Amino acid sequence: MADAHASSVLASQLQYALDQRVVIEQAKGVLMEREGMGSLQAFERLRASARSSQRKLVDVAAEVVKDAG
């Protein structure tokens, strides 16, 4: 029973991480298109913005995607 619970928890954690990664990649794409920058540069911009605003990277990325849509 404990193994099944541990597997379920792990699956949930992995899905959460994947969902976050998708949003971050979408935001990178928005910045790359809008600002004409490379992938690494777009990621660094997202990361710097998250640090300076003391927010999670995924929250900054979600805002970028929302504003682009």
PDB file of N, CA and C in Angstrom:
ATOM      1  N   MET A   1       0.829  -1.198   0.000  1.00  0.00           N
ATOM      2  CA  MET A   1       0.000   0.000   0.000  1.00  0.00           C
ATOM      3  C   MET A   1       0.877   1.267   0.000  1.00  0.00           C
ATOM      4  N   ALA A   2       1.961   1.231   0.768  1.00  0.00           N
ATOM      5  CA  ALA A   2       2.854   2.389   0.827  1.00  0.00           C
ATOM      6  C   ALA A   2       3.530   2.619  -0.509  1.00  0.00           C
ATOM      7  N   ASP A   3       3.866   1.536  -1.216  1.00  0.00           N
ATOM      8  CA  ASP A   3       4.494   1.668  -2.533  1.00  0.00           C
ATOM      9  C   ASP A   3       3.557   2.324  -3.530  1.00  0.00           C
ATOM     10  N   ALA A   4       2.290   1.968  -3.471  1.00  0.00           N
ATOM     11  CA  ALA A   4       1.303   2.554  -4.380  1.00  0.00           C
ATOM     12  C   ALA A   4       1.144   4.045  -4.102  1.00  0.00           C
ATOM     13  N   HIS A   5       1.142   4.402  -2.834  1.00  0.00           N
ATOM     14  CA  HIS A   5       1.021   5.820  -2.463  1.00  0.00           C
ATOM     15  C   HIS A   5       2.261   6.591  -2.910  1.00  0.00           C
ATOM     16  N   ALA A   6       3.425   6.020  -2.695  1.00  0.00           N
ATOM     17  CA  ALA A   6       4.674   6.674  -3.103  1.00  0.00           C
ATOM     18  C   ALA A   6       4.712   6.854  -4.615  1.00  0.00           C
ATOM     19  N   SER A   7       4.257   5.865  -5.350  1.00  0.00           N
ATOM     20  CA  SER A   7       4.215   5.962  -6.814  1.00  0.00           C
ATOM     21  C   SER A   7       3.243   7.044  -7.259  1.00  0.00           C
ATOM     22  N   SER A   8       2.121   7.137  -6.591  1.00  0.00           N
ATOM     23  CA  SER A   8       1.129   8.162  -6.916  1.00  0.00           C
ATOM     24  C   SER A   8       1.669   9.562  -6.647  1.00  0.00           C
ATOM     25  N   VAL A   9       2.351   9.717  -5.521  1.00  0.00           N
ATOM     26  CA  VAL A   9       2.945  11.007  -5.174  1.00  0.00           C
ATOM     27  C   VAL A   9       4.011  11.389  -6.205  1.00  0.00           C
ATOM     28  N   LEU A  10       4.852  10.428  -6.560  1.00  0.00           N
ATOM     29  CA  LEU A  10       5.898  10.684  -7.548  1.00  0.00           C
ATOM     30  C   LEU A  10       5.292  11.074  -8.897  1.00  0.00           C
ATOM     31  N   ALA A  11       4.258  10.374  -9.317  1.00  0.00           N
ATOM     32  CA  ALA A  11       3.595  10.690 -10.587  1.00  0.00           C
ATOM     33  C   ALA A  11       3.020  12.101 -10.558  1.00  0.00           C
ATOM     34  N   SER A  12       2.434  12.491  -9.451  1.00  0.00           N
ATOM     35  CA  SER A  12       1.881  13.846  -9.318  1.00  0.00           C
ATOM     36  C   SER A  12       2.984  14.898  -9.384  1.00  0.00           C
ATOM     37  N   GLN A  13       4.092  14.635  -8.713  1.00  0.00           N
ATOM     38  CA  GLN A  13       5.215  15.568  -8.724  1.00  0.00           C
ATOM     39  C   GLN A  13       5.799  15.716 -10.125  1.00  0.00           C
ATOM     40  N   LEU A  14       5.935  14.605 -10.825  1.00  0.00           N
ATOM     41  CA  LEU A  14       6.467  14.656 -12.185  1.00  0.00           C
ATOM     42  C   LEU A  14       5.530  15.401 -13.130  1.00  0.00           C
ATOM     43  N   GLN A  15       4.231  15.193 -12.989  1.00  0.00           N
ATOM     44  CA  GLN A  15       3.267  15.897 -13.837  1.00  0.00           C
ATOM     45  C   GLN A  15       3.315  17.394 -13.570  1.00  0.00           C
ATOM     46  N   TYR A  16       3.429  17.777 -12.301  1.00  0.00           N
ATOM     47  CA  TYR A  16       3.526  19.186 -11.931  1.00  0.00           C
ATOM     48  C   TYR A  16       4.766  19.822 -12.557  1.00  0.00           C
ATOM     49  N   ALA A  17       5.897  19.117 -12.466  1.00  0.00           N
ATOM     50  CA  ALA A  17       7.140  19.633 -13.049  1.00  0.00           C
ATOM     51  C   ALA A  17       7.018  19.773 -14.555  1.00  0.00           C
ATOM     52  N   LEU A  18       6.395  18.807 -15.204  1.00  0.00           N
ATOM     53  CA  LEU A  18       6.204  18.863 -16.654  1.00  0.00           C
ATOM     54  C   LEU A  18       5.301  20.028 -17.041  1.00  0.00           C
ATOM     55  N   ASP A  19       4.234  20.222 -16.295  1.00  0.00           N
ATOM     56  CA  ASP A  19       3.316  21.338 -16.574  1.00  0.00           C
ATOM     57  C   ASP A  19       4.030  22.682 -16.439  1.00  0.00           C
ATOM     58  N   GLN A  20       4.873  22.810 -15.432  1.00  0.00           N
ATOM     59  CA  GLN A  20       5.638  24.047 -15.251  1.00  0.00           C
ATOM     60  C   GLN A  20       6.588  24.259 -16.410  1.00  0.00           C
ATOM     61  N   ARG A  21       7.235  23.198 -16.842  1.00  0.00           N
ATOM     62  CA  ARG A  21       8.212  23.296 -17.929  1.00  0.00           C
ATOM     63  C   ARG A  21       7.551  23.747 -19.227  1.00  0.00           C
ATOM     64  N   VAL A  22       6.341  23.263 -19.468  1.00  0.00           N
ATOM     65  CA  VAL A  22       5.613  23.650 -20.678  1.00  0.00           C
ATOM     66  C   VAL A  22       5.357  25.160 -20.682  1.00  0.00           C
ATOM     67  N   VAL A  23       4.929  25.698 -19.556  1.00  0.00           N
ATOM     68  CA  VAL A  23       4.650  27.133 -19.462  1.00  0.00           C
ATOM     69  C   VAL A  23       5.934  27.942 -19.665  1.00  0.00           C
ATOM     70  N   ILE A  24       7.016  27.492 -19.073  1.00  0.00           N
ATOM     71  CA  ILE A  24       8.298  28.198 -19.208  1.00  0.00           C
ATOM     72  C   ILE A  24       8.761  28.180 -20.662  1.00  0.00           C
ATOM     73  N   GLU A  25       8.616  27.034 -21.329  1.00  0.00           N
ATOM     74  CA  GLU A  25       9.013  26.937 -22.739  1.00  0.00           C
ATOM     75  C   GLU A  25       8.141  27.836 -23.621  1.00  0.00           C
ATOM     76  N   GLN A  26       6.858  27.916 -23.315  1.00  0.00           N
ATOM     77  CA  GLN A  26       5.977  28.807 -24.070  1.00  0.00           C
ATOM     78  C   GLN A  26       6.411  30.260 -23.898  1.00  0.00           C
ATOM     79  N   ALA A  27       6.726  30.647 -22.681  1.00  0.00           N
ATOM     80  CA  ALA A  27       7.163  32.018 -22.419  1.00  0.00           C
ATOM     81  C   ALA A  27       8.480  32.311 -23.126  1.00  0.00           C
ATOM     82  N   LYS A  28       9.384  31.348 -23.127  1.00  0.00           N
ATOM     83  CA  LYS A  28      10.636  31.531 -23.862  1.00  0.00           C
ATOM     84  C   LYS A  28      10.346  31.770 -25.335  1.00  0.00           C
ATOM     85  N   GLY A  29       9.426  31.011 -25.894  1.00  0.00           N
ATOM     86  CA  GLY A  29       9.058  31.180 -27.294  1.00  0.00           C
ATOM     87  C   GLY A  29       8.494  32.557 -27.582  1.00  0.00           C
ATOM     88  N   VAL A  30       7.668  33.053 -26.675  1.00  0.00           N
ATOM     89  CA  VAL A  30       7.106  34.398 -26.825  1.00  0.00           C
ATOM     90  C   VAL A  30       8.223  35.433 -26.854  1.00  0.00           C
ATOM     91  N   LEU A  31       9.130  35.340 -25.900  1.00  0.00           N
ATOM     92  CA  LEU A  31      10.236  36.298 -25.839  1.00  0.00           C
ATOM     93  C   LEU A  31      11.153  36.190 -27.047  1.00  0.00           C
ATOM     94  N   MET A  32      11.407  34.959 -27.489  1.00  0.00           N
ATOM     95  CA  MET A  32      12.263  34.763 -28.654  1.00  0.00           C
ATOM     96  C   MET A  32      11.661  35.417 -29.885  1.00  0.00           C
ATOM     97  N   GLU A  33      10.357  35.254 -30.052  1.00  0.00           N
ATOM     98  CA  GLU A  33       9.691  35.849 -31.216  1.00  0.00           C
ATOM     99  C   GLU A  33       9.577  37.361 -31.092  1.00  0.00           C
ATOM    100  N   ARG A  34       9.131  37.814 -29.943  1.00  0.00           N
ATOM    101  CA  ARG A  34       8.868  39.238 -29.745  1.00  0.00           C
ATOM    102  C   ARG A  34      10.148  40.071 -29.682  1.00  0.00           C
ATOM    103  N   GLU A  35      11.171  39.525 -29.027  1.00  0.00           N
ATOM    104  CA  GLU A  35      12.395  40.288 -28.793  1.00  0.00           C
ATOM    105  C   GLU A  35      13.547  39.880 -29.708  1.00  0.00           C
ATOM    106  N   GLY A  36      13.337  38.835 -30.498  1.00  0.00           N
ATOM    107  CA  GLY A  36      14.386  38.387 -31.405  1.00  0.00           C
ATOM    108  C   GLY A  36      15.628  37.879 -30.694  1.00  0.00           C
ATOM    109  N   MET A  37      15.421  37.151 -29.609  1.00  0.00           N
ATOM    110  CA  MET A  37      16.555  36.646 -28.838  1.00  0.00           C
ATOM    111  C   MET A  37      16.593  35.130 -28.901  1.00  0.00           C
ATOM    112  N   GLY A  38      17.708  34.563 -28.480  1.00  0.00           N
ATOM    113  CA  GLY A  38      17.862  33.118 -28.449  1.00  0.00           C
ATOM    114  C   GLY A  38      17.209  32.503 -27.225  1.00  0.00           C
ATOM    115  N   SER A  39      17.179  31.180 -27.218  1.00  0.00           N
ATOM    116  CA  SER A  39      16.539  30.426 -26.142  1.00  0.00           C
ATOM    117  C   SER A  39      17.174  30.703 -24.783  1.00  0.00           C
ATOM    118  N   LEU A  40      18.482  30.660 -24.717  1.00  0.00           N
ATOM    119  CA  LEU A  40      19.180  30.893 -23.448  1.00  0.00           C
ATOM    120  C   LEU A  40      18.956  32.317 -22.950  1.00  0.00           C
ATOM    121  N   GLN A  41      19.013  33.262 -23.855  1.00  0.00           N
ATOM    122  CA  GLN A  41      18.793  34.659 -23.496  1.00  0.00           C
ATOM    123  C   GLN A  41      17.365  34.860 -22.968  1.00  0.00           C
ATOM    124  N   ALA A  42      16.393  34.217 -23.596  1.00  0.00           N
ATOM    125  CA  ALA A  42      15.002  34.319 -23.148  1.00  0.00           C
ATOM    126  C   ALA A  42      14.841  33.730 -21.753  1.00  0.00           C
ATOM    127  N   PHE A  43      15.476  32.577 -21.508  1.00  0.00           N
ATOM    128  CA  PHE A  43      15.405  31.964 -20.191  1.00  0.00           C
ATOM    129  C   PHE A  43      16.041  32.852 -19.134  1.00  0.00           C
ATOM    130  N   GLU A  44      17.187  33.417 -19.468  1.00  0.00           N
ATOM    131  CA  GLU A  44      17.860  34.310 -18.520  1.00  0.00           C
ATOM    132  C   GLU A  44      17.003  35.531 -18.201  1.00  0.00           C
ATOM    133  N   ARG A  45      16.306  36.053 -19.187  1.00  0.00           N
ATOM    134  CA  ARG A  45      15.424  37.199 -18.939  1.00  0.00           C
ATOM    135  C   ARG A  45      14.294  36.804 -17.996  1.00  0.00           C
ATOM    136  N   LEU A  46      13.691  35.647 -18.222  1.00  0.00           N
ATOM    137  CA  LEU A  46      12.630  35.170 -17.328  1.00  0.00           C
ATOM    138  C   LEU A  46      13.161  34.993 -15.910  1.00  0.00           C
ATOM    139  N   ARG A  47      14.324  34.385 -15.809  1.00  0.00           N
ATOM    140  CA  ARG A  47      14.922  34.126 -14.495  1.00  0.00           C
ATOM    141  C   ARG A  47      15.257  35.427 -13.770  1.00  0.00           C
ATOM    142  N   ALA A  48      15.811  36.382 -14.486  1.00  0.00           N
ATOM    143  CA  ALA A  48      16.142  37.670 -13.873  1.00  0.00           C
ATOM    144  C   ALA A  48      14.886  38.391 -13.407  1.00  0.00           C
ATOM    145  N   SER A  49      13.849  38.315 -14.217  1.00  0.00           N
ATOM    146  CA  SER A  49      12.587  38.958 -13.838  1.00  0.00           C
ATOM    147  C   SER A  49      11.992  38.303 -12.591  1.00  0.00           C
ATOM    148  N   ALA A  50      12.068  36.996 -12.519  1.00  0.00           N
ATOM    149  CA  ALA A  50      11.553  36.282 -11.345  1.00  0.00           C
ATOM    150  C   ALA A  50      12.341  36.658 -10.092  1.00  0.00           C
ATOM    151  N   ARG A  51      13.644  36.735 -10.230  1.00  0.00           N
ATOM    152  CA  ARG A  51      14.477  37.104  -9.078  1.00  0.00           C
ATOM    153  C   ARG A  51      14.200  38.527  -8.612  1.00  0.00           C
ATOM    154  N   SER A  52      14.137  39.435  -9.566  1.00  0.00           N
ATOM    155  CA  SER A  52      13.969  40.841  -9.176  1.00  0.00           C
ATOM    156  C   SER A  52      12.592  41.117  -8.577  1.00  0.00           C
ATOM    157  N   SER A  53      11.610  40.332  -8.966  1.00  0.00           N
ATOM    158  CA  SER A  53      10.260  40.534  -8.426  1.00  0.00           C
ATOM    159  C   SER A  53       9.948  39.568  -7.288  1.00  0.00           C
ATOM    160  N   GLN A  54      10.927  38.728  -6.941  1.00  0.00           N
ATOM    161  CA  GLN A  54      10.780  37.737  -5.864  1.00  0.00           C
ATOM    162  C   GLN A  54       9.552  36.854  -6.087  1.00  0.00           C
ATOM    163  N   ARG A  55       9.423  36.381  -7.339  1.00  0.00           N
ATOM    164  CA  ARG A  55       8.318  35.494  -7.700  1.00  0.00           C
ATOM    165  C   ARG A  55       8.894  34.211  -8.285  1.00  0.00           C
ATOM    166  N   LYS A  56       8.062  33.206  -8.364  1.00  0.00           N
ATOM    167  CA  LYS A  56       8.481  31.954  -8.966  1.00  0.00           C
ATOM    168  C   LYS A  56       8.627  32.142 -10.470  1.00  0.00           C
ATOM    169  N   LEU A  57       9.586  31.437 -11.035  1.00  0.00           N
ATOM    170  CA  LEU A  57       9.832  31.499 -12.474  1.00  0.00           C
ATOM    171  C   LEU A  57       8.581  31.134 -13.256  1.00  0.00           C
ATOM    172  N   VAL A  58       7.880  30.108 -12.829  1.00  0.00           N
ATOM    173  CA  VAL A  58       6.682  29.678 -13.545  1.00  0.00           C
ATOM    174  C   VAL A  58       5.588  30.747 -13.511  1.00  0.00           C
ATOM    175  N   ASP A  59       5.520  31.530 -12.438  1.00  0.00           N
ATOM    176  CA  ASP A  59       4.524  32.601 -12.359  1.00  0.00           C
ATOM    177  C   ASP A  59       4.849  33.724 -13.340  1.00  0.00           C
ATOM    178  N   VAL A  60       6.117  34.061 -13.446  1.00  0.00           N
ATOM    179  CA  VAL A  60       6.554  35.082 -14.414  1.00  0.00           C
ATOM    180  C   VAL A  60       6.286  34.580 -15.823  1.00  0.00           C
ATOM    181  N   ALA A  61       6.603  33.324 -16.082  1.00  0.00           N
ATOM    182  CA  ALA A  61       6.395  32.740 -17.402  1.00  0.00           C
ATOM    183  C   ALA A  61       4.913  32.741 -17.772  1.00  0.00           C
ATOM    184  N   ALA A  62       4.056  32.382 -16.823  1.00  0.00           N
ATOM    185  CA  ALA A  62       2.622  32.365 -17.083  1.00  0.00           C
ATOM    186  C   ALA A  62       2.112  33.765 -17.429  1.00  0.00           C
ATOM    187  N   GLU A  63       2.647  34.768 -16.783  1.00  0.00           N
ATOM    188  CA  GLU A  63       2.251  36.142 -17.071  1.00  0.00           C
ATOM    189  C   GLU A  63       2.671  36.552 -18.480  1.00  0.00           C
ATOM    190  N   VAL A  64       3.869  36.164 -18.890  1.00  0.00           N
ATOM    191  CA  VAL A  64       4.348  36.469 -20.231  1.00  0.00           C
ATOM    192  C   VAL A  64       3.438  35.837 -21.278  1.00  0.00           C
ATOM    193  N   VAL A  65       3.097  34.570 -21.051  1.00  0.00           N
ATOM    194  CA  VAL A  65       2.226  33.853 -21.984  1.00  0.00           C
ATOM    195  C   VAL A  65       0.848  34.495 -22.020  1.00  0.00           C
ATOM    196  N   LYS A  66       0.313  34.838 -20.862  1.00  0.00           N
ATOM    197  CA  LYS A  66      -1.011  35.462 -20.784  1.00  0.00           C
ATOM    198  C   LYS A  66      -1.022  36.798 -21.515  1.00  0.00           C
ATOM    199  N   ASP A  67      -0.009  37.605 -21.312  1.00  0.00           N
ATOM    200  CA  ASP A  67       0.069  38.919 -21.958  1.00  0.00           C
ATOM    201  C   ASP A  67       0.216  38.811 -23.476  1.00  0.00           C
ATOM    202  N   ALA A  68       0.799  37.708 -23.933  1.00  0.00           N
ATOM    203  CA  ALA A  68       1.006  37.513 -25.379  1.00  0.00           C
ATOM    204  C   ALA A  68      -0.277  37.054 -26.063  1.00  0.00           C
ATOM    205  N   GLY A  69      -1.170  36.458 -25.279  1.00  0.00           N
ATOM    206  CA  GLY A  69      -2.376  35.871 -25.868  1.00  0.00           C
ATOM    207  C   GLY A  69      -3.458  36.847 -25.977  1.00  0.00           C
TER     208      GLY A  69
END
